[in-house]
């Protein structure tokens, strides 16, 4: 696949790393206003680094946009005359609707919204996908890309804001929980390196248990808890202090903030 990443910031770079690591490219153009910080990627075979978005579009079939929301309209205006019927537009921009993209490039384009998370750099992203009517004819291409970099799920566009909270912001939420577990392990006597290793791999194991078994989390919790045991004691104390409630309220707050951002962009 001939892919261009327009705007190789944090997310764009994570996508690029995933594509390169998983050999998912025929060619890859990485654009950035100041490309000096990503020049080292030009050492990879068939990877090109440039500040020229037009060149990247001309040399690619799949265009992944990972710029700031305020930059997207200007970039689309700059490249719209280069678009052909071969191009597939994939936008990863939070809060930027497909209809806004269509207003600039037209409705006769394959347009897909993708919401990956930064775990895409290690091939473990959960990516949600939505498209315009024409884009449905190419959404399998987007699935093929993002399934090489983790897992993907096609959803209605109206659920994209919620998916951003659960999957993209969710990485930060899980990192905070892992950090808290690490801090607790240090307090219980482990050194910092050991504590983080215990927290990371326990989190990974819990997730894999659910993925492989298909069980509900409570089923796996029941396997660990025993009457009057230490696990249920700890779980109840966490719930008394509002663990589940705080997490839910935090995610709802993030969702409400996205909708404010969305309104500001109109």
C-alpha atoms as a PDB file:
ATOM      1  CA  UNK A   1       0.000   0.000   0.000  1.00  0.00           C
ATOM      2  CA  UNK A   2       1.197   3.499  -0.858  1.00  0.00           C
ATOM      3  CA  UNK A   3       0.458   5.467   2.287  1.00  0.00           C
ATOM      4  CA  UNK A   4       1.031   9.066   3.326  1.00  0.00           C
ATOM      5  CA  UNK A   5       0.796  10.325   6.882  1.00  0.00           C
ATOM      6  CA  UNK A   6      -0.038  14.018   6.726  1.00  0.00           C
ATOM      7  CA  UNK A   7       1.136  15.482  10.008  1.00  0.00           C
ATOM      8  CA  UNK A   8       3.613  13.215  11.740  1.00  0.00           C
ATOM      9  CA  UNK A   9       3.220  14.399  15.330  1.00  0.00           C
ATOM     10  CA  UNK A  10       2.752  12.060  18.290  1.00  0.00           C
ATOM     11  CA  UNK A  11      -0.122  10.045  16.840  1.00  0.00           C
ATOM     12  CA  UNK A  12       1.176  10.191  13.272  1.00  0.00           C
ATOM     13  CA  UNK A  13       4.550   8.929  14.430  1.00  0.00           C
ATOM     14  CA  UNK A  14       2.926   6.101  16.369  1.00  0.00           C
ATOM     15  CA  UNK A  15       1.040   5.076  13.225  1.00  0.00           C
ATOM     16  CA  UNK A  16       4.231   5.262  11.161  1.00  0.00           C
ATOM     17  CA  UNK A  17       6.124   3.090  13.642  1.00  0.00           C
ATOM     18  CA  UNK A  18       3.352   0.512  13.546  1.00  0.00           C
ATOM     19  CA  UNK A  19       3.198   0.466   9.749  1.00  0.00           C
ATOM     20  CA  UNK A  20       6.969   0.138   9.413  1.00  0.00           C
ATOM     21  CA  UNK A  21       7.313  -2.523  12.115  1.00  0.00           C
ATOM     22  CA  UNK A  22       4.505  -4.608  10.616  1.00  0.00           C
ATOM     23  CA  UNK A  23       5.699  -4.248   7.005  1.00  0.00           C
ATOM     24  CA  UNK A  24       2.312  -2.800   6.044  1.00  0.00           C
ATOM     25  CA  UNK A  25       3.571  -0.428   3.342  1.00  0.00           C
ATOM     26  CA  UNK A  26       4.727  -0.401  -0.256  1.00  0.00           C
ATOM     27  CA  UNK A  27       5.814   3.172   0.315  1.00  0.00           C
ATOM     28  CA  UNK A  28       5.308   5.612   3.174  1.00  0.00           C
ATOM     29  CA  UNK A  29       5.475   9.405   3.001  1.00  0.00           C
ATOM     30  CA  UNK A  30       5.723  11.184   6.357  1.00  0.00           C
ATOM     31  CA  UNK A  31       5.045  14.915   6.316  1.00  0.00           C
ATOM     32  CA  UNK A  32       5.765  17.548   8.922  1.00  0.00           C
ATOM     33  CA  UNK A  33       6.142  21.328   8.763  1.00  0.00           C
ATOM     34  CA  UNK A  34       9.638  20.941  10.208  1.00  0.00           C
ATOM     35  CA  UNK A  35      10.743  17.422   9.223  1.00  0.00           C
ATOM     36  CA  UNK A  36      14.121  17.600  10.995  1.00  0.00           C
ATOM     37  CA  UNK A  37      12.749  15.696  13.982  1.00  0.00           C
ATOM     38  CA  UNK A  38      11.739  12.681  11.876  1.00  0.00           C
ATOM     39  CA  UNK A  39      14.607  12.602   9.361  1.00  0.00           C
ATOM     40  CA  UNK A  40      15.921   9.357  10.856  1.00  0.00           C
ATOM     41  CA  UNK A  41      12.873   7.509   9.454  1.00  0.00           C
ATOM     42  CA  UNK A  42      14.091   8.166   5.922  1.00  0.00           C
ATOM     43  CA  UNK A  43      16.705   5.487   6.607  1.00  0.00           C
ATOM     44  CA  UNK A  44      13.987   2.831   6.324  1.00  0.00           C
ATOM     45  CA  UNK A  45      13.383   1.313   2.918  1.00  0.00           C
ATOM     46  CA  UNK A  46      10.650   3.059   0.897  1.00  0.00           C
ATOM     47  CA  UNK A  47      10.044   5.643   3.636  1.00  0.00           C
ATOM     48  CA  UNK A  48      10.235   9.311   2.629  1.00  0.00           C
ATOM     49  CA  UNK A  49      10.233  12.356   4.893  1.00  0.00           C
ATOM     50  CA  UNK A  50       9.068  15.718   3.544  1.00  0.00           C
ATOM     51  CA  UNK A  51       7.358  18.990   4.410  1.00  0.00           C
ATOM     52  CA  UNK A  52       5.538  18.934   1.060  1.00  0.00           C
ATOM     53  CA  UNK A  53       1.986  17.641   1.535  1.00  0.00           C
ATOM     54  CA  UNK A  54       1.218  17.936  -2.185  1.00  0.00           C
ATOM     55  CA  UNK A  55       4.129  15.660  -3.084  1.00  0.00           C
ATOM     56  CA  UNK A  56       3.002  13.117  -0.478  1.00  0.00           C
ATOM     57  CA  UNK A  57      -0.532  13.098  -1.895  1.00  0.00           C
ATOM     58  CA  UNK A  58       0.692  12.734  -5.479  1.00  0.00           C
ATOM     59  CA  UNK A  59       2.877   9.736  -4.570  1.00  0.00           C
ATOM     60  CA  UNK A  60       0.329   7.931  -2.370  1.00  0.00           C
ATOM     61  CA  UNK A  61      -3.077   6.238  -2.543  1.00  0.00           C
ATOM     62  CA  UNK A  62      -4.057   6.207   1.125  1.00  0.00           C
ATOM     63  CA  UNK A  63      -3.880   9.518   2.980  1.00  0.00           C
ATOM     64  CA  UNK A  64      -3.893   9.388   6.773  1.00  0.00           C
ATOM     65  CA  UNK A  65      -4.416  12.843   8.286  1.00  0.00           C
ATOM     66  CA  UNK A  66      -3.069  13.257  11.825  1.00  0.00           C
ATOM     67  CA  UNK A  67      -2.797  17.047  12.140  1.00  0.00           C
ATOM     68  CA  UNK A  68      -4.318  19.403  14.703  1.00  0.00           C
ATOM     69  CA  UNK A  69      -8.026  20.157  14.053  1.00  0.00           C
ATOM     70  CA  UNK A  70      -7.301  23.818  13.312  1.00  0.00           C
ATOM     71  CA  UNK A  71      -4.832  22.837  10.561  1.00  0.00           C
ATOM     72  CA  UNK A  72      -6.949  20.335   8.641  1.00  0.00           C
ATOM     73  CA  UNK A  73      -9.116  22.704   6.580  1.00  0.00           C
ATOM     74  CA  UNK A  74      -6.125  24.637   5.258  1.00  0.00           C
ATOM     75  CA  UNK A  75      -4.276  21.440   4.320  1.00  0.00           C
ATOM     76  CA  UNK A  76      -7.344  19.987   2.582  1.00  0.00           C
ATOM     77  CA  UNK A  77      -7.701  23.171   0.524  1.00  0.00           C
ATOM     78  CA  UNK A  78      -4.016  22.893  -0.449  1.00  0.00           C
ATOM     79  CA  UNK A  79      -4.252  19.291  -1.658  1.00  0.00           C
ATOM     80  CA  UNK A  80      -7.837  18.936  -2.916  1.00  0.00           C
ATOM     81  CA  UNK A  81      -6.883  19.559  -6.570  1.00  0.00           C
ATOM     82  CA  UNK A  82      -4.456  16.610  -6.359  1.00  0.00           C
ATOM     83  CA  UNK A  83      -7.136  14.144  -5.264  1.00  0.00           C
ATOM     84  CA  UNK A  84      -8.136  11.449  -7.746  1.00  0.00           C
ATOM     85  CA  UNK A  85     -10.491   8.481  -7.686  1.00  0.00           C
ATOM     86  CA  UNK A  86      -7.655   6.322  -6.322  1.00  0.00           C
ATOM     87  CA  UNK A  87      -7.299   8.267  -3.077  1.00  0.00           C
ATOM     88  CA  UNK A  88      -8.727   7.118   0.225  1.00  0.00           C
ATOM     89  CA  UNK A  89      -8.876   9.841   2.881  1.00  0.00           C
ATOM     90  CA  UNK A  90      -8.525   8.617   6.469  1.00  0.00           C
ATOM     91  CA  UNK A  91      -8.906  11.285   9.143  1.00  0.00           C
ATOM     92  CA  UNK A  92      -7.785  10.704  12.732  1.00  0.00           C
ATOM     93  CA  UNK A  93      -8.734  14.220  13.839  1.00  0.00           C
ATOM     94  CA  UNK A  94     -10.827  14.355  16.996  1.00  0.00           C
ATOM     95  CA  UNK A  95     -14.201  16.042  16.559  1.00  0.00           C
ATOM     96  CA  UNK A  96     -13.794  16.743  12.832  1.00  0.00           C
ATOM     97  CA  UNK A  97     -16.852  15.324  11.102  1.00  0.00           C
ATOM     98  CA  UNK A  98     -16.961  13.662   7.706  1.00  0.00           C
ATOM     99  CA  UNK A  99     -19.411  16.318   6.488  1.00  0.00           C
ATOM    100  CA  UNK A 100     -16.814  19.022   7.245  1.00  0.00           C
ATOM    101  CA  UNK A 101     -14.268  17.190   5.104  1.00  0.00           C
ATOM    102  CA  UNK A 102     -16.832  16.746   2.327  1.00  0.00           C
ATOM    103  CA  UNK A 103     -17.531  20.492   2.396  1.00  0.00           C
ATOM    104  CA  UNK A 104     -13.935  21.042   1.246  1.00  0.00           C
ATOM    105  CA  UNK A 105     -13.045  18.069  -0.972  1.00  0.00           C
ATOM    106  CA  UNK A 106     -16.538  17.107  -2.145  1.00  0.00           C
ATOM    107  CA  UNK A 107     -18.831  14.158  -1.486  1.00  0.00           C
ATOM    108  CA  UNK A 108     -17.375  12.092  -4.328  1.00  0.00           C
ATOM    109  CA  UNK A 109     -14.355  10.996  -2.262  1.00  0.00           C
ATOM    110  CA  UNK A 110     -13.681   7.890  -0.180  1.00  0.00           C
ATOM    111  CA  UNK A 111     -13.663   9.413   3.316  1.00  0.00           C
ATOM    112  CA  UNK A 112     -13.094   7.421   6.490  1.00  0.00           C
ATOM    113  CA  UNK A 113     -12.704   8.535  10.080  1.00  0.00           C
ATOM    114  CA  UNK A 114     -10.377   6.464  12.258  1.00  0.00           C
ATOM    115  CA  UNK A 115      -9.858   6.788  15.978  1.00  0.00           C
ATOM    116  CA  UNK A 116      -6.765   4.779  16.945  1.00  0.00           C
ATOM    117  CA  UNK A 117      -4.767   5.147  20.127  1.00  0.00           C
ATOM    118  CA  UNK A 118      -1.035   5.444  20.709  1.00  0.00           C
ATOM    119  CA  UNK A 119      -0.698   1.690  21.319  1.00  0.00           C
ATOM    120  CA  UNK A 120      -0.693   1.541  17.532  1.00  0.00           C
ATOM    121  CA  UNK A 121       3.087   2.023  17.796  1.00  0.00           C
ATOM    122  CA  UNK A 122       3.353  -1.511  19.221  1.00  0.00           C
ATOM    123  CA  UNK A 123       0.595  -3.066  17.104  1.00  0.00           C
ATOM    124  CA  UNK A 124      -1.998  -3.076  19.894  1.00  0.00           C
ATOM    125  CA  UNK A 125      -4.366  -0.221  19.038  1.00  0.00           C
ATOM    126  CA  UNK A 126      -8.127  -0.435  19.382  1.00  0.00           C
ATOM    127  CA  UNK A 127      -9.247   1.620  16.381  1.00  0.00           C
ATOM    128  CA  UNK A 128     -12.838   2.636  15.624  1.00  0.00           C
ATOM    129  CA  UNK A 129     -13.799   3.354  12.006  1.00  0.00           C
ATOM    130  CA  UNK A 130     -16.659   5.233  10.343  1.00  0.00           C
ATOM    131  CA  UNK A 131     -17.137   6.473   6.789  1.00  0.00           C
ATOM    132  CA  UNK A 132     -19.300   8.409   4.370  1.00  0.00           C
ATOM    133  CA  UNK A 133     -21.483   6.431   1.966  1.00  0.00           C
ATOM    134  CA  UNK A 134     -18.804   6.190  -0.710  1.00  0.00           C
ATOM    135  CA  UNK A 135     -16.127   5.407   1.859  1.00  0.00           C
ATOM    136  CA  UNK A 136     -17.904   2.162   2.758  1.00  0.00           C
ATOM    137  CA  UNK A 137     -16.555   0.796  -0.528  1.00  0.00           C
ATOM    138  CA  UNK A 138     -13.012   1.220   0.819  1.00  0.00           C
ATOM    139  CA  UNK A 139     -13.498   0.686   4.531  1.00  0.00           C
ATOM    140  CA  UNK A 140     -12.070  -2.838   4.191  1.00  0.00           C
ATOM    141  CA  UNK A 141      -8.774  -1.157   3.265  1.00  0.00           C
ATOM    142  CA  UNK A 142      -8.853   0.818   6.502  1.00  0.00           C
ATOM    143  CA  UNK A 143      -9.710  -2.369   8.398  1.00  0.00           C
ATOM    144  CA  UNK A 144      -6.773  -4.162   6.787  1.00  0.00           C
ATOM    145  CA  UNK A 145      -4.410  -1.360   7.837  1.00  0.00           C
ATOM    146  CA  UNK A 146      -5.580  -1.040  11.412  1.00  0.00           C
ATOM    147  CA  UNK A 147      -6.018  -4.771  11.995  1.00  0.00           C
ATOM    148  CA  UNK A 148      -2.305  -5.083  11.205  1.00  0.00           C
ATOM    149  CA  UNK A 149      -1.797  -2.573  14.003  1.00  0.00           C
ATOM    150  CA  UNK A 150      -4.164  -4.042  16.576  1.00  0.00           C
ATOM    151  CA  UNK A 151      -7.929  -4.411  16.318  1.00  0.00           C
ATOM    152  CA  UNK A 152     -10.636  -2.351  14.625  1.00  0.00           C
ATOM    153  CA  UNK A 153     -14.383  -1.897  14.938  1.00  0.00           C
ATOM    154  CA  UNK A 154     -16.730  -0.225  12.436  1.00  0.00           C
ATOM    155  CA  UNK A 155     -19.219   2.053  14.195  1.00  0.00           C
ATOM    156  CA  UNK A 156     -21.703   4.803  13.232  1.00  0.00           C
ATOM    157  CA  UNK A 157     -20.029   8.201  13.082  1.00  0.00           C
ATOM    158  CA  UNK A 158     -22.325   9.479  15.848  1.00  0.00           C
ATOM    159  CA  UNK A 159     -20.448   7.183  18.265  1.00  0.00           C
ATOM    160  CA  UNK A 160     -17.000   8.507  17.346  1.00  0.00           C
ATOM    161  CA  UNK A 161     -16.870  11.016  20.203  1.00  0.00           C
ATOM    162  CA  UNK A 162     -17.590   8.291  22.735  1.00  0.00           C
ATOM    163  CA  UNK A 163     -15.057   5.976  21.080  1.00  0.00           C
ATOM    164  CA  UNK A 164     -12.431   8.697  21.448  1.00  0.00           C
ATOM    165  CA  UNK A 165     -12.944   8.690  25.212  1.00  0.00           C
ATOM    166  CA  UNK A 166     -13.019   4.908  25.588  1.00  0.00           C
ATOM    167  CA  UNK A 167     -10.125   4.063  23.259  1.00  0.00           C
ATOM    168  CA  UNK A 168      -7.892   7.096  22.693  1.00  0.00           C
ATOM    169  CA  UNK A 169      -8.200   8.902  26.023  1.00  0.00           C
ATOM    170  CA  UNK A 170      -8.596   5.457  27.542  1.00  0.00           C
ATOM    171  CA  UNK A 171      -4.886   4.784  27.113  1.00  0.00           C
ATOM    172  CA  UNK A 172      -4.146   7.629  29.542  1.00  0.00           C
ATOM    173  CA  UNK A 173      -6.779   6.369  31.986  1.00  0.00           C
ATOM    174  CA  UNK A 174      -5.252   2.892  32.017  1.00  0.00           C
ATOM    175  CA  UNK A 175      -1.746   4.346  32.375  1.00  0.00           C
ATOM    176  CA  UNK A 176      -2.906   6.219  35.479  1.00  0.00           C
ATOM    177  CA  UNK A 177      -4.358   3.014  36.942  1.00  0.00           C
ATOM    178  CA  UNK A 178      -1.104   1.171  36.232  1.00  0.00           C
ATOM    179  CA  UNK A 179       0.837   4.010  37.855  1.00  0.00           C
ATOM    180  CA  UNK A 180      -1.362   3.826  40.945  1.00  0.00           C
ATOM    181  CA  UNK A 181      -0.841   0.064  41.142  1.00  0.00           C
ATOM    182  CA  UNK A 182       2.905   0.648  40.844  1.00  0.00           C
ATOM    183  CA  UNK A 183       2.852   3.170  43.674  1.00  0.00           C
ATOM    184  CA  UNK A 184       0.934   0.730  45.867  1.00  0.00           C
ATOM    185  CA  UNK A 185       3.430  -2.038  45.105  1.00  0.00           C
ATOM    186  CA  UNK A 186       6.293   0.260  46.138  1.00  0.00           C
ATOM    187  CA  UNK A 187       4.509   1.007  49.404  1.00  0.00           C
ATOM    188  CA  UNK A 188       4.163  -2.746  49.933  1.00  0.00           C
ATOM    189  CA  UNK A 189       7.923  -3.225  49.651  1.00  0.00           C
ATOM    190  CA  UNK A 190       8.915  -3.655  45.995  1.00  0.00           C
ATOM    191  CA  UNK A 191      11.442  -1.385  44.337  1.00  0.00           C
ATOM    192  CA  UNK A 192      10.207   0.916  41.555  1.00  0.00           C
ATOM    193  CA  UNK A 193      11.314  -1.275  38.647  1.00  0.00           C
ATOM    194  CA  UNK A 194       9.843  -4.437  40.146  1.00  0.00           C
ATOM    195  CA  UNK A 195       6.629  -2.609  41.053  1.00  0.00           C
ATOM    196  CA  UNK A 196       6.052  -1.353  37.514  1.00  0.00           C
ATOM    197  CA  UNK A 197       6.807  -4.761  36.028  1.00  0.00           C
ATOM    198  CA  UNK A 198       4.265  -6.384  38.347  1.00  0.00           C
ATOM    199  CA  UNK A 199       1.639  -3.758  37.512  1.00  0.00           C
ATOM    200  CA  UNK A 200       2.164  -3.829  33.744  1.00  0.00           C
ATOM    201  CA  UNK A 201       2.096  -7.563  33.286  1.00  0.00           C
ATOM    202  CA  UNK A 202      -0.811  -8.097  35.675  1.00  0.00           C
ATOM    203  CA  UNK A 203      -2.827  -5.523  33.677  1.00  0.00           C
ATOM    204  CA  UNK A 204      -1.830  -7.212  30.427  1.00  0.00           C
ATOM    205  CA  UNK A 205      -2.801 -10.617  31.799  1.00  0.00           C
ATOM    206  CA  UNK A 206      -6.196  -9.405  32.994  1.00  0.00           C
ATOM    207  CA  UNK A 207      -6.966  -7.986  29.558  1.00  0.00           C
ATOM    208  CA  UNK A 208      -5.810 -11.122  27.755  1.00  0.00           C
ATOM    209  CA  UNK A 209      -7.961 -13.300  30.022  1.00  0.00           C
ATOM    210  CA  UNK A 210     -11.060 -11.412  28.882  1.00  0.00           C
ATOM    211  CA  UNK A 211     -10.012 -11.324  25.216  1.00  0.00           C
ATOM    212  CA  UNK A 212      -9.249 -15.043  25.030  1.00  0.00           C
ATOM    213  CA  UNK A 213     -12.123 -16.300  27.186  1.00  0.00           C
ATOM    214  CA  UNK A 214     -14.845 -13.854  26.150  1.00  0.00           C
ATOM    215  CA  UNK A 215     -15.921 -13.745  29.794  1.00  0.00           C
ATOM    216  CA  UNK A 216     -17.448 -10.799  31.614  1.00  0.00           C
ATOM    217  CA  UNK A 217     -14.996  -9.139  34.047  1.00  0.00           C
ATOM    218  CA  UNK A 218     -17.133 -10.200  37.017  1.00  0.00           C
ATOM    219  CA  UNK A 219     -16.696 -13.857  36.060  1.00  0.00           C
ATOM    220  CA  UNK A 220     -12.931 -13.492  36.326  1.00  0.00           C
ATOM    221  CA  UNK A 221     -13.256 -11.489  39.548  1.00  0.00           C
ATOM    222  CA  UNK A 222     -15.311 -14.336  41.039  1.00  0.00           C
ATOM    223  CA  UNK A 223     -12.436 -16.719  40.285  1.00  0.00           C
ATOM    224  CA  UNK A 224     -10.093 -14.620  42.421  1.00  0.00           C
ATOM    225  CA  UNK A 225     -12.295 -13.641  45.341  1.00  0.00           C
ATOM    226  CA  UNK A 226     -12.947 -15.974  48.291  1.00  0.00           C
ATOM    227  CA  UNK A 227     -15.228 -15.500  51.299  1.00  0.00           C
ATOM    228  CA  UNK A 228     -13.652 -13.130  53.835  1.00  0.00           C
ATOM    229  CA  UNK A 229     -10.523 -13.051  51.634  1.00  0.00           C
ATOM    230  CA  UNK A 230      -8.033 -10.261  50.940  1.00  0.00           C
ATOM    231  CA  UNK A 231      -9.207  -9.671  47.356  1.00  0.00           C
ATOM    232  CA  UNK A 232     -12.827  -8.868  48.220  1.00  0.00           C
ATOM    233  CA  UNK A 233     -11.614  -6.762  51.124  1.00  0.00           C
ATOM    234  CA  UNK A 234      -9.512  -4.685  48.749  1.00  0.00           C
ATOM    235  CA  UNK A 235     -12.215  -4.440  46.079  1.00  0.00           C
ATOM    236  CA  UNK A 236     -14.826  -3.285  48.574  1.00  0.00           C
ATOM    237  CA  UNK A 237     -12.504  -0.654  50.010  1.00  0.00           C
ATOM    238  CA  UNK A 238     -11.817   0.673  46.497  1.00  0.00           C
ATOM    239  CA  UNK A 239     -15.539   0.845  45.770  1.00  0.00           C
ATOM    240  CA  UNK A 240     -16.203   2.598  49.103  1.00  0.00           C
ATOM    241  CA  UNK A 241     -13.656   5.203  47.991  1.00  0.00           C
ATOM    242  CA  UNK A 242     -15.369   5.576  44.617  1.00  0.00           C
ATOM    243  CA  UNK A 243     -13.061   3.763  42.168  1.00  0.00           C
ATOM    244  CA  UNK A 244     -15.724   2.790  39.620  1.00  0.00           C
ATOM    245  CA  UNK A 245     -17.695   5.991  40.112  1.00  0.00           C
ATOM    246  CA  UNK A 246     -14.608   8.183  39.642  1.00  0.00           C
ATOM    247  CA  UNK A 247     -13.592   6.367  36.467  1.00  0.00           C
ATOM    248  CA  UNK A 248     -17.084   6.633  34.967  1.00  0.00           C
ATOM    249  CA  UNK A 249     -17.382  10.315  35.925  1.00  0.00           C
ATOM    250  CA  UNK A 250     -13.959  11.030  34.436  1.00  0.00           C
ATOM    251  CA  UNK A 251     -14.875   9.404  31.130  1.00  0.00           C
ATOM    252  CA  UNK A 252     -18.164  11.315  30.991  1.00  0.00           C
ATOM    253  CA  UNK A 253     -16.252  14.551  31.702  1.00  0.00           C
ATOM    254  CA  UNK A 254     -13.914  13.774  28.795  1.00  0.00           C
ATOM    255  CA  UNK A 255     -16.890  13.110  26.539  1.00  0.00           C
ATOM    256  CA  UNK A 256     -18.473  16.427  27.514  1.00  0.00           C
ATOM    257  CA  UNK A 257     -15.192  18.229  26.783  1.00  0.00           C
ATOM    258  CA  UNK A 258     -14.998  16.711  23.298  1.00  0.00           C
ATOM    259  CA  UNK A 259     -18.458  18.051  22.566  1.00  0.00           C
ATOM    260  CA  UNK A 260     -17.312  21.531  23.657  1.00  0.00           C
ATOM    261  CA  UNK A 261     -14.309  21.262  21.310  1.00  0.00           C
ATOM    262  CA  UNK A 262     -16.649  20.110  18.521  1.00  0.00           C
ATOM    263  CA  UNK A 263     -18.920  23.129  19.091  1.00  0.00           C
ATOM    264  CA  UNK A 264     -15.962  25.541  19.092  1.00  0.00           C
ATOM    265  CA  UNK A 265     -14.880  24.244  15.672  1.00  0.00           C
ATOM    266  CA  UNK A 266     -18.182  25.125  14.015  1.00  0.00           C
END
